[in-house]
Amino acid sequence: MEVTLAKSETVAHYGPEIAFEEAFMSNFKALHAYAHTLLQDALMAEEIVQTVFLKLWENRERMTIHTSLRAYLYKSVYHESLNYLKHKKVQRKYMEEAMVEQKQRQTDELTADSELRHQLHAALQRLPEKCRTVFQLSRFEELRYHEIAERLGISVKTVEAHMGKALKLLRLRLADFLPVLIVLLPNV
């Protein structure tokens, strides 16, 4: 690679390391300012300029620059910056889509939850009174069968019978919601 330096010296005269260092030192600040203008992000601008110099160094033996080195560097910074901005635009688009999806899922869950509550309340109201009372004490107050029996003054076997009947009727009336109910109300 024949790179023209600020003093019209060639790489062949100084060696590639010194020429590269000279090119870096004399162009970095201006390129950084240019990238910062394009990106409005100082850290990303620095990374873009470093990437351009890294690619220049890695490809130095295969590369021929037909313009001035400065023009090549500015053009490279411009293209790297555009690529970065395009990438950020795609990322933003996917993030926005993911947020819309998440909001829709939350809305769907709230709607399903509301519908489930409504259907459960309606199904509970259709249960015979003793079955409903036993079910509510068991599932909502989390009492054990013997505690329910003591509170209602009935036998544990009667509590078991009422629970069995309540669960059977609820399964029939809430068949569409059964997968959700299994999670919310074990032993349904």
N, C-alpha and C. Protein backbone atom coordinates (compact mmCIF):
# COMPACT_ATOMS: atom_id res chain seq x y z
N MET A 1 0.85 -1.17 0.00
CA MET A 1 0.00 0.00 0.00
C MET A 1 0.89 1.23 0.00
N GLU A 2 0.64 2.10 -0.87
CA GLU A 2 1.38 3.36 -0.94
C GLU A 2 0.46 4.44 -0.41
N VAL A 3 0.74 4.92 0.80
CA VAL A 3 -0.09 5.93 1.44
C VAL A 3 0.69 7.23 1.51
N THR A 4 0.08 8.29 1.03
CA THR A 4 0.75 9.59 1.06
C THR A 4 0.50 10.25 2.41
N LEU A 5 1.56 10.68 3.06
CA LEU A 5 1.44 11.33 4.36
C LEU A 5 1.38 12.83 4.18
N ALA A 6 1.14 13.52 5.28
CA ALA A 6 1.00 14.97 5.24
C ALA A 6 2.25 15.65 4.66
N LYS A 7 3.42 15.09 4.87
CA LYS A 7 4.68 15.70 4.42
C LYS A 7 5.16 15.09 3.10
N SER A 8 4.25 14.45 2.36
CA SER A 8 4.55 13.83 1.06
C SER A 8 5.56 12.70 1.19
N GLU A 9 5.67 12.11 2.33
CA GLU A 9 6.56 10.97 2.52
C GLU A 9 5.77 9.70 2.20
N THR A 10 6.41 8.64 1.87
CA THR A 10 5.71 7.40 1.56
C THR A 10 5.97 6.37 2.64
N VAL A 11 5.08 5.37 2.66
CA VAL A 11 5.20 4.28 3.62
C VAL A 11 6.53 3.56 3.42
N ALA A 12 6.93 3.43 2.17
CA ALA A 12 8.17 2.73 1.88
C ALA A 12 9.36 3.40 2.57
N HIS A 13 9.31 4.70 2.70
CA HIS A 13 10.41 5.44 3.32
C HIS A 13 10.43 5.26 4.84
N TYR A 14 9.28 5.33 5.50
CA TYR A 14 9.20 5.26 6.96
C TYR A 14 8.88 3.88 7.52
N GLY A 15 8.24 3.04 6.77
CA GLY A 15 7.76 1.76 7.27
C GLY A 15 6.29 1.87 7.64
N PRO A 16 5.58 0.79 7.56
CA PRO A 16 4.12 0.85 7.74
C PRO A 16 3.67 1.27 9.14
N GLU A 17 4.38 0.88 10.18
CA GLU A 17 3.94 1.23 11.54
C GLU A 17 4.01 2.73 11.78
N ILE A 18 5.10 3.32 11.38
CA ILE A 18 5.28 4.76 11.60
C ILE A 18 4.30 5.54 10.72
N ALA A 19 4.12 5.11 9.49
CA ALA A 19 3.18 5.78 8.58
C ALA A 19 1.76 5.70 9.13
N PHE A 20 1.41 4.53 9.64
CA PHE A 20 0.07 4.34 10.21
C PHE A 20 -0.12 5.24 11.43
N GLU A 21 0.88 5.26 12.30
CA GLU A 21 0.79 6.09 13.50
C GLU A 21 0.65 7.57 13.13
N GLU A 22 1.41 7.99 12.15
CA GLU A 22 1.34 9.38 11.68
C GLU A 22 -0.06 9.68 11.13
N ALA A 23 -0.58 8.78 10.34
CA ALA A 23 -1.93 8.96 9.76
C ALA A 23 -2.96 9.02 10.88
N PHE A 24 -2.82 8.14 11.86
CA PHE A 24 -3.77 8.11 12.98
C PHE A 24 -3.71 9.41 13.77
N MET A 25 -2.52 9.82 14.15
CA MET A 25 -2.34 11.01 14.99
C MET A 25 -2.82 12.28 14.27
N SER A 26 -2.57 12.38 13.00
CA SER A 26 -2.91 13.62 12.29
C SER A 26 -4.38 13.68 11.86
N ASN A 27 -5.08 12.55 11.88
CA ASN A 27 -6.47 12.55 11.39
C ASN A 27 -7.53 12.20 12.43
N PHE A 28 -7.13 11.62 13.54
CA PHE A 28 -8.11 11.09 14.48
C PHE A 28 -9.10 12.15 14.98
N LYS A 29 -8.60 13.28 15.46
CA LYS A 29 -9.50 14.29 16.05
C LYS A 29 -10.51 14.81 15.04
N ALA A 30 -10.06 15.10 13.85
CA ALA A 30 -10.97 15.62 12.82
C ALA A 30 -12.00 14.56 12.42
N LEU A 31 -11.54 13.32 12.27
CA LEU A 31 -12.47 12.23 11.92
C LEU A 31 -13.47 11.99 13.05
N HIS A 32 -13.00 12.07 14.28
CA HIS A 32 -13.89 11.89 15.42
C HIS A 32 -14.96 12.99 15.43
N ALA A 33 -14.56 14.23 15.19
CA ALA A 33 -15.52 15.33 15.15
C ALA A 33 -16.54 15.12 14.03
N TYR A 34 -16.07 14.66 12.89
CA TYR A 34 -16.95 14.38 11.76
C TYR A 34 -17.95 13.27 12.11
N ALA A 35 -17.46 12.18 12.66
CA ALA A 35 -18.34 11.06 13.05
C ALA A 35 -19.33 11.50 14.13
N HIS A 36 -18.86 12.33 15.06
CA HIS A 36 -19.73 12.83 16.13
C HIS A 36 -20.86 13.67 15.54
N THR A 37 -20.54 14.47 14.52
CA THR A 37 -21.57 15.25 13.84
C THR A 37 -22.62 14.34 13.20
N LEU A 38 -22.18 13.26 12.60
CA LEU A 38 -23.10 12.33 11.94
C LEU A 38 -23.93 11.53 12.94
N LEU A 39 -23.31 11.12 14.04
CA LEU A 39 -23.95 10.18 14.97
C LEU A 39 -24.57 10.83 16.20
N GLN A 40 -24.08 12.00 16.56
CA GLN A 40 -24.52 12.66 17.80
C GLN A 40 -24.22 11.80 19.03
N ASP A 41 -23.11 11.08 18.98
CA ASP A 41 -22.72 10.19 20.06
C ASP A 41 -21.19 10.11 20.08
N ALA A 42 -20.59 10.73 21.07
CA ALA A 42 -19.12 10.82 21.12
C ALA A 42 -18.46 9.46 21.24
N LEU A 43 -18.98 8.60 22.09
CA LEU A 43 -18.37 7.27 22.26
C LEU A 43 -18.47 6.44 21.00
N MET A 44 -19.63 6.47 20.36
CA MET A 44 -19.79 5.70 19.13
C MET A 44 -18.92 6.28 18.02
N ALA A 45 -18.79 7.60 18.00
CA ALA A 45 -17.94 8.24 17.00
C ALA A 45 -16.49 7.76 17.15
N GLU A 46 -16.03 7.68 18.40
CA GLU A 46 -14.68 7.19 18.65
C GLU A 46 -14.54 5.75 18.18
N GLU A 47 -15.54 4.94 18.46
CA GLU A 47 -15.48 3.54 18.04
C GLU A 47 -15.47 3.41 16.52
N ILE A 48 -16.26 4.22 15.85
CA ILE A 48 -16.31 4.20 14.37
C ILE A 48 -14.93 4.55 13.80
N VAL A 49 -14.34 5.60 14.30
CA VAL A 49 -13.03 6.03 13.78
C VAL A 49 -11.98 4.95 14.06
N GLN A 50 -12.02 4.37 15.24
CA GLN A 50 -11.07 3.30 15.55
C GLN A 50 -11.28 2.10 14.63
N THR A 51 -12.53 1.79 14.33
CA THR A 51 -12.83 0.68 13.42
C THR A 51 -12.27 0.95 12.03
N VAL A 52 -12.43 2.18 11.56
CA VAL A 52 -11.89 2.54 10.24
C VAL A 52 -10.37 2.36 10.22
N PHE A 53 -9.70 2.82 11.25
CA PHE A 53 -8.24 2.67 11.31
C PHE A 53 -7.84 1.20 11.46
N LEU A 54 -8.60 0.45 12.22
CA LEU A 54 -8.31 -0.98 12.36
C LEU A 54 -8.41 -1.68 11.02
N LYS A 55 -9.48 -1.39 10.27
CA LYS A 55 -9.64 -2.01 8.94
C LYS A 55 -8.51 -1.58 8.00
N LEU A 56 -8.13 -0.31 8.11
CA LEU A 56 -7.02 0.18 7.29
C LEU A 56 -5.75 -0.62 7.59
N TRP A 57 -5.47 -0.81 8.86
CA TRP A 57 -4.27 -1.55 9.26
C TRP A 57 -4.34 -3.02 8.83
N GLU A 58 -5.49 -3.64 9.08
CA GLU A 58 -5.63 -5.07 8.74
C GLU A 58 -5.54 -5.32 7.24
N ASN A 59 -5.99 -4.38 6.43
CA ASN A 59 -6.01 -4.57 4.98
C ASN A 59 -4.90 -3.81 4.26
N ARG A 60 -3.91 -3.34 4.97
CA ARG A 60 -2.88 -2.47 4.41
C ARG A 60 -2.12 -3.12 3.26
N GLU A 61 -1.93 -4.42 3.28
CA GLU A 61 -1.13 -5.07 2.25
C GLU A 61 -1.93 -5.37 0.98
N ARG A 62 -3.26 -5.44 1.11
CA ARG A 62 -4.11 -5.75 -0.05
C ARG A 62 -4.78 -4.50 -0.62
N MET A 63 -4.61 -3.39 0.00
CA MET A 63 -5.40 -2.20 -0.32
C MET A 63 -4.59 -1.20 -1.15
N THR A 64 -5.28 -0.62 -2.12
CA THR A 64 -4.70 0.48 -2.88
C THR A 64 -5.68 1.64 -2.76
N ILE A 65 -5.19 2.76 -2.31
CA ILE A 65 -6.02 3.95 -2.17
C ILE A 65 -5.74 4.85 -3.36
N HIS A 66 -6.81 5.15 -4.14
CA HIS A 66 -6.64 5.93 -5.36
C HIS A 66 -6.86 7.43 -5.12
N THR A 67 -7.36 7.77 -3.94
CA THR A 67 -7.53 9.17 -3.58
C THR A 67 -6.51 9.49 -2.50
N SER A 68 -6.63 10.64 -1.91
CA SER A 68 -5.74 10.94 -0.79
C SER A 68 -6.18 10.09 0.41
N LEU A 69 -5.26 9.85 1.31
CA LEU A 69 -5.58 9.08 2.50
C LEU A 69 -6.68 9.76 3.30
N ARG A 70 -6.61 11.07 3.41
CA ARG A 70 -7.61 11.84 4.17
C ARG A 70 -9.01 11.63 3.56
N ALA A 71 -9.11 11.72 2.24
CA ALA A 71 -10.41 11.53 1.57
C ALA A 71 -10.91 10.11 1.81
N TYR A 72 -10.01 9.15 1.71
CA TYR A 72 -10.37 7.75 1.97
C TYR A 72 -10.90 7.58 3.39
N LEU A 73 -10.22 8.16 4.37
CA LEU A 73 -10.63 8.03 5.76
C LEU A 73 -12.00 8.67 6.01
N TYR A 74 -12.21 9.86 5.46
CA TYR A 74 -13.51 10.52 5.64
C TYR A 74 -14.64 9.70 5.01
N LYS A 75 -14.37 9.18 3.83
CA LYS A 75 -15.38 8.36 3.14
C LYS A 75 -15.66 7.09 3.96
N SER A 76 -14.62 6.49 4.50
CA SER A 76 -14.78 5.28 5.32
C SER A 76 -15.58 5.57 6.59
N VAL A 77 -15.27 6.68 7.25
CA VAL A 77 -16.00 7.07 8.46
C VAL A 77 -17.47 7.32 8.12
N TYR A 78 -17.69 7.98 7.00
CA TYR A 78 -19.07 8.25 6.56
C TYR A 78 -19.84 6.94 6.38
N HIS A 79 -19.26 5.99 5.67
CA HIS A 79 -19.95 4.72 5.40
C HIS A 79 -20.14 3.89 6.68
N GLU A 80 -19.13 3.86 7.53
CA GLU A 80 -19.27 3.13 8.81
C GLU A 80 -20.38 3.77 9.66
N SER A 81 -20.44 5.08 9.66
CA SER A 81 -21.47 5.79 10.43
C SER A 81 -22.85 5.48 9.87
N LEU A 82 -22.99 5.50 8.56
CA LEU A 82 -24.29 5.18 7.95
C LEU A 82 -24.71 3.74 8.27
N ASN A 83 -23.76 2.83 8.20
CA ASN A 83 -24.08 1.44 8.54
C ASN A 83 -24.54 1.32 9.99
N TYR A 84 -23.87 2.03 10.87
CA TYR A 84 -24.26 2.02 12.28
C TYR A 84 -25.67 2.59 12.45
N LEU A 85 -25.95 3.71 11.81
CA LEU A 85 -27.28 4.32 11.92
C LEU A 85 -28.37 3.41 11.36
N LYS A 86 -28.07 2.75 10.25
CA LYS A 86 -29.05 1.79 9.69
C LYS A 86 -29.30 0.65 10.67
N HIS A 87 -28.23 0.16 11.27
CA HIS A 87 -28.35 -0.93 12.25
C HIS A 87 -29.20 -0.48 13.45
N LYS A 88 -28.96 0.74 13.94
CA LYS A 88 -29.73 1.27 15.07
C LYS A 88 -31.20 1.42 14.68
N LYS A 89 -31.46 1.83 13.46
CA LYS A 89 -32.84 1.99 12.99
C LYS A 89 -33.55 0.63 13.00
N VAL A 90 -32.87 -0.40 12.52
CA VAL A 90 -33.46 -1.75 12.53
C VAL A 90 -33.70 -2.21 13.97
N GLN A 91 -32.73 -1.94 14.86
CA GLN A 91 -32.89 -2.31 16.27
C GLN A 91 -34.09 -1.61 16.88
N ARG A 92 -34.23 -0.31 16.60
CA ARG A 92 -35.37 0.45 17.13
C ARG A 92 -36.69 -0.12 16.63
N LYS A 93 -36.71 -0.47 15.36
CA LYS A 93 -37.94 -1.03 14.76
C LYS A 93 -38.33 -2.32 15.48
N TYR A 94 -37.36 -3.20 15.69
CA TYR A 94 -37.65 -4.46 16.36
C TYR A 94 -38.03 -4.24 17.83
N MET A 95 -37.40 -3.28 18.48
CA MET A 95 -37.75 -2.97 19.87
C MET A 95 -39.17 -2.44 19.96
N GLU A 96 -39.54 -1.56 19.02
CA GLU A 96 -40.90 -1.03 19.01
C GLU A 96 -41.91 -2.15 18.77
N GLU A 97 -41.60 -3.03 17.83
CA GLU A 97 -42.50 -4.16 17.56
C GLU A 97 -42.61 -5.06 18.78
N ALA A 98 -41.51 -5.29 19.46
CA ALA A 98 -41.54 -6.13 20.66
C ALA A 98 -42.37 -5.47 21.76
N MET A 99 -42.26 -4.14 21.89
CA MET A 99 -43.04 -3.44 22.91
C MET A 99 -44.53 -3.49 22.59
N VAL A 100 -44.88 -3.34 21.31
CA VAL A 100 -46.28 -3.42 20.90
C VAL A 100 -46.82 -4.83 21.18
N GLU A 101 -46.00 -5.83 20.84
CA GLU A 101 -46.39 -7.22 21.11
C GLU A 101 -46.60 -7.47 22.60
N GLN A 102 -45.69 -6.95 23.42
CA GLN A 102 -45.78 -7.12 24.87
C GLN A 102 -47.04 -6.45 25.40
N LYS A 103 -47.33 -5.24 24.95
CA LYS A 103 -48.55 -4.55 25.39
C LYS A 103 -49.79 -5.34 24.98
N GLN A 104 -49.77 -5.88 23.77
CA GLN A 104 -50.92 -6.66 23.30
C GLN A 104 -51.10 -7.91 24.16
N ARG A 105 -49.97 -8.56 24.49
CA ARG A 105 -50.04 -9.75 25.34
C ARG A 105 -50.61 -9.40 26.71
N GLN A 106 -50.16 -8.28 27.27
CA GLN A 106 -50.66 -7.85 28.57
C GLN A 106 -52.15 -7.54 28.50
N THR A 107 -52.57 -6.86 27.44
CA THR A 107 -53.99 -6.56 27.26
C THR A 107 -54.79 -7.84 27.13
N ASP A 108 -54.28 -8.78 26.35
CA ASP A 108 -54.97 -10.06 26.18
C ASP A 108 -55.07 -10.81 27.51
N GLU A 109 -53.97 -10.78 28.29
CA GLU A 109 -53.98 -11.46 29.58
C GLU A 109 -54.97 -10.82 30.53
N LEU A 110 -55.02 -9.49 30.55
CA LEU A 110 -55.98 -8.79 31.41
C LEU A 110 -57.41 -9.10 30.99
N THR A 111 -57.65 -9.12 29.69
CA THR A 111 -58.99 -9.45 29.19
C THR A 111 -59.36 -10.88 29.57
N ALA A 112 -58.42 -11.80 29.37
CA ALA A 112 -58.68 -13.21 29.71
C ALA A 112 -58.89 -13.35 31.22
N ASP A 113 -58.09 -12.66 32.00
CA ASP A 113 -58.22 -12.71 33.46
C ASP A 113 -59.57 -12.18 33.90
N SER A 114 -59.97 -11.06 33.31
CA SER A 114 -61.27 -10.46 33.64
C SER A 114 -62.41 -11.41 33.26
N GLU A 115 -62.29 -12.00 32.09
CA GLU A 115 -63.32 -12.94 31.64
C GLU A 115 -63.35 -14.18 32.55
N LEU A 116 -62.18 -14.66 32.91
CA LEU A 116 -62.11 -15.81 33.81
C LEU A 116 -62.77 -15.50 35.15
N ARG A 117 -62.46 -14.35 35.71
CA ARG A 117 -63.07 -13.95 36.99
C ARG A 117 -64.59 -13.87 36.87
N HIS A 118 -65.03 -13.28 35.78
CA HIS A 118 -66.48 -13.16 35.56
C HIS A 118 -67.12 -14.55 35.45
N GLN A 119 -66.52 -15.41 34.65
CA GLN A 119 -67.07 -16.76 34.47
C GLN A 119 -67.01 -17.57 35.77
N LEU A 120 -65.93 -17.44 36.52
CA LEU A 120 -65.80 -18.15 37.79
C LEU A 120 -66.85 -17.67 38.78
N HIS A 121 -67.03 -16.36 38.85
CA HIS A 121 -68.05 -15.81 39.75
C HIS A 121 -69.43 -16.32 39.37
N ALA A 122 -69.73 -16.30 38.06
CA ALA A 122 -71.04 -16.79 37.60
C ALA A 122 -71.21 -18.27 37.90
N ALA A 123 -70.16 -19.06 37.68
CA ALA A 123 -70.25 -20.50 37.94
C ALA A 123 -70.40 -20.76 39.43
N LEU A 124 -69.70 -20.00 40.26
CA LEU A 124 -69.83 -20.17 41.72
C LEU A 124 -71.25 -19.83 42.18
N GLN A 125 -71.85 -18.83 41.60
CA GLN A 125 -73.21 -18.43 41.98
C GLN A 125 -74.23 -19.50 41.63
N ARG A 126 -73.94 -20.31 40.62
CA ARG A 126 -74.87 -21.39 40.22
C ARG A 126 -74.69 -22.66 41.06
N LEU A 127 -73.65 -22.71 41.87
CA LEU A 127 -73.46 -23.89 42.73
C LEU A 127 -74.48 -23.88 43.86
N PRO A 128 -74.86 -25.06 44.31
CA PRO A 128 -75.71 -25.10 45.51
C PRO A 128 -74.97 -24.40 46.66
N GLU A 129 -75.72 -23.79 47.57
CA GLU A 129 -75.14 -22.94 48.61
C GLU A 129 -74.06 -23.64 49.42
N LYS A 130 -74.31 -24.86 49.91
CA LYS A 130 -73.32 -25.57 50.73
C LYS A 130 -72.05 -25.88 49.94
N CYS A 131 -72.24 -26.30 48.66
CA CYS A 131 -71.07 -26.58 47.81
C CYS A 131 -70.24 -25.32 47.62
N ARG A 132 -70.91 -24.20 47.36
CA ARG A 132 -70.22 -22.93 47.14
C ARG A 132 -69.46 -22.52 48.40
N THR A 133 -70.10 -22.63 49.55
CA THR A 133 -69.46 -22.25 50.81
C THR A 133 -68.23 -23.10 51.07
N VAL A 134 -68.35 -24.40 50.91
CA VAL A 134 -67.22 -25.30 51.13
C VAL A 134 -66.09 -24.97 50.15
N PHE A 135 -66.44 -24.78 48.88
CA PHE A 135 -65.43 -24.47 47.87
C PHE A 135 -64.71 -23.17 48.22
N GLN A 136 -65.44 -22.13 48.56
CA GLN A 136 -64.84 -20.83 48.88
C GLN A 136 -63.94 -20.91 50.12
N LEU A 137 -64.40 -21.66 51.14
CA LEU A 137 -63.56 -21.81 52.33
C LEU A 137 -62.27 -22.57 52.01
N SER A 138 -62.39 -23.56 51.14
CA SER A 138 -61.22 -24.37 50.78
C SER A 138 -60.25 -23.60 49.88
N ARG A 139 -60.77 -23.00 48.83
CA ARG A 139 -59.90 -22.40 47.82
C ARG A 139 -59.52 -20.95 48.11
N PHE A 140 -60.42 -20.17 48.64
CA PHE A 140 -60.15 -18.75 48.83
C PHE A 140 -59.63 -18.43 50.22
N GLU A 141 -60.11 -19.16 51.22
CA GLU A 141 -59.61 -18.94 52.58
C GLU A 141 -58.55 -19.96 52.96
N GLU A 142 -58.34 -20.94 52.08
CA GLU A 142 -57.30 -21.97 52.21
C GLU A 142 -57.42 -22.77 53.51
N LEU A 143 -58.65 -23.06 53.89
CA LEU A 143 -58.89 -23.90 55.06
C LEU A 143 -58.80 -25.36 54.66
N ARG A 144 -58.41 -26.19 55.61
CA ARG A 144 -58.36 -27.64 55.37
C ARG A 144 -59.74 -28.22 55.62
N TYR A 145 -59.94 -29.41 55.08
CA TYR A 145 -61.27 -30.02 55.18
C TYR A 145 -61.74 -30.13 56.63
N HIS A 146 -60.87 -30.53 57.55
CA HIS A 146 -61.31 -30.69 58.94
C HIS A 146 -61.65 -29.32 59.56
N GLU A 147 -60.94 -28.24 59.10
CA GLU A 147 -61.26 -26.90 59.60
C GLU A 147 -62.62 -26.44 59.07
N ILE A 148 -62.91 -26.76 57.82
CA ILE A 148 -64.20 -26.41 57.23
C ILE A 148 -65.32 -27.17 57.95
N ALA A 149 -65.06 -28.45 58.21
CA ALA A 149 -66.06 -29.28 58.91
C ALA A 149 -66.37 -28.68 60.28
N GLU A 150 -65.34 -28.28 61.01
CA GLU A 150 -65.55 -27.68 62.33
C GLU A 150 -66.33 -26.37 62.22
N ARG A 151 -65.94 -25.52 61.26
CA ARG A 151 -66.61 -24.22 61.12
C ARG A 151 -68.07 -24.36 60.74
N LEU A 152 -68.38 -25.32 59.86
CA LEU A 152 -69.77 -25.48 59.39
C LEU A 152 -70.57 -26.48 60.23
N GLY A 153 -69.91 -27.17 61.12
CA GLY A 153 -70.60 -28.15 61.96
C GLY A 153 -71.06 -29.36 61.17
N ILE A 154 -70.22 -29.79 60.22
CA ILE A 154 -70.54 -30.98 59.42
C ILE A 154 -69.34 -31.91 59.47
N SER A 155 -69.51 -33.11 58.94
CA SER A 155 -68.41 -34.07 58.97
C SER A 155 -67.43 -33.80 57.83
N VAL A 156 -66.21 -34.33 57.99
CA VAL A 156 -65.19 -34.20 56.96
C VAL A 156 -65.66 -34.89 55.68
N LYS A 157 -66.37 -36.02 55.81
CA LYS A 157 -66.89 -36.74 54.63
C LYS A 157 -67.88 -35.87 53.87
N THR A 158 -68.68 -35.11 54.58
CA THR A 158 -69.65 -34.22 53.93
C THR A 158 -68.92 -33.10 53.21
N VAL A 159 -67.84 -32.56 53.82
CA VAL A 159 -67.01 -31.53 53.18
C VAL A 159 -66.43 -32.11 51.89
N GLU A 160 -65.92 -33.33 51.95
CA GLU A 160 -65.35 -33.97 50.77
C GLU A 160 -66.40 -34.13 49.68
N ALA A 161 -67.60 -34.53 50.06
CA ALA A 161 -68.68 -34.70 49.08
C ALA A 161 -69.05 -33.36 48.43
N HIS A 162 -69.17 -32.30 49.24
CA HIS A 162 -69.49 -30.98 48.68
C HIS A 162 -68.37 -30.48 47.76
N MET A 163 -67.13 -30.70 48.15
CA MET A 163 -66.01 -30.28 47.31
C MET A 163 -66.00 -31.05 45.99
N GLY A 164 -66.22 -32.34 46.06
CA GLY A 164 -66.27 -33.16 44.85
C GLY A 164 -67.35 -32.67 43.90
N LYS A 165 -68.54 -32.39 44.46
CA LYS A 165 -69.66 -31.91 43.64
C LYS A 165 -69.32 -30.53 43.06
N ALA A 166 -68.75 -29.63 43.88
CA ALA A 166 -68.40 -28.29 43.41
C ALA A 166 -67.36 -28.35 42.28
N LEU A 167 -66.35 -29.17 42.47
CA LEU A 167 -65.31 -29.28 41.45
C LEU A 167 -65.86 -29.85 40.15
N LYS A 168 -66.73 -30.84 40.26
CA LYS A 168 -67.33 -31.45 39.07
C LYS A 168 -68.15 -30.43 38.30
N LEU A 169 -68.99 -29.67 39.01
CA LEU A 169 -69.84 -28.67 38.35
C LEU A 169 -69.00 -27.54 37.75
N LEU A 170 -67.98 -27.13 38.48
CA LEU A 170 -67.11 -26.06 37.96
C LEU A 170 -66.34 -26.51 36.72
N ARG A 171 -65.89 -27.76 36.71
CA ARG A 171 -65.21 -28.29 35.53
C ARG A 171 -66.10 -28.23 34.31
N LEU A 172 -67.36 -28.60 34.50
CA LEU A 172 -68.30 -28.58 33.38
C LEU A 172 -68.58 -27.14 32.91
N ARG A 173 -68.79 -26.25 33.84
CA ARG A 173 -69.18 -24.88 33.49
C ARG A 173 -68.00 -24.01 33.02
N LEU A 174 -66.82 -24.40 33.41
CA LEU A 174 -65.63 -23.61 33.05
C LEU A 174 -64.66 -24.39 32.16
N ALA A 175 -65.20 -25.29 31.36
CA ALA A 175 -64.36 -26.15 30.52
C ALA A 175 -63.41 -25.34 29.62
N ASP A 176 -63.88 -24.20 29.11
CA ASP A 176 -63.03 -23.39 28.23
C ASP A 176 -61.84 -22.78 28.97
N PHE A 177 -61.98 -22.62 30.28
CA PHE A 177 -60.93 -21.98 31.08
C PHE A 177 -60.13 -23.00 31.90
N LEU A 178 -60.37 -24.28 31.67
CA LEU A 178 -59.76 -25.32 32.49
C LEU A 178 -58.23 -25.23 32.58
N PRO A 179 -57.50 -25.01 31.47
CA PRO A 179 -56.04 -24.92 31.60
C PRO A 179 -55.59 -23.81 32.56
N VAL A 180 -56.25 -22.67 32.52
CA VAL A 180 -55.89 -21.57 33.41
C VAL A 180 -56.29 -21.89 34.84
N LEU A 181 -57.46 -22.49 34.99
CA LEU A 181 -57.94 -22.83 36.33
C LEU A 181 -57.05 -23.85 37.02
N ILE A 182 -56.51 -24.77 36.25
CA ILE A 182 -55.63 -25.79 36.83
C ILE A 182 -54.43 -25.12 37.51
N VAL A 183 -53.94 -24.06 36.88
CA VAL A 183 -52.81 -23.34 37.46
C VAL A 183 -53.27 -22.54 38.68
N LEU A 184 -54.40 -21.85 38.56
CA LEU A 184 -54.86 -21.00 39.63
C LEU A 184 -55.48 -21.76 40.80
N LEU A 185 -56.22 -22.81 40.47
CA LEU A 185 -56.92 -23.58 41.52
C LEU A 185 -56.54 -25.05 41.41
N PRO A 186 -55.47 -25.45 42.03
CA PRO A 186 -55.06 -26.87 41.96
C PRO A 186 -56.18 -27.78 42.44
N ASN A 187 -56.17 -28.98 41.96
CA ASN A 187 -57.16 -30.02 42.31
C ASN A 187 -58.53 -29.77 41.68
N VAL A 188 -58.62 -28.91 40.67
CA VAL A 188 -59.91 -28.69 40.01
C VAL A 188 -60.23 -29.90 39.17
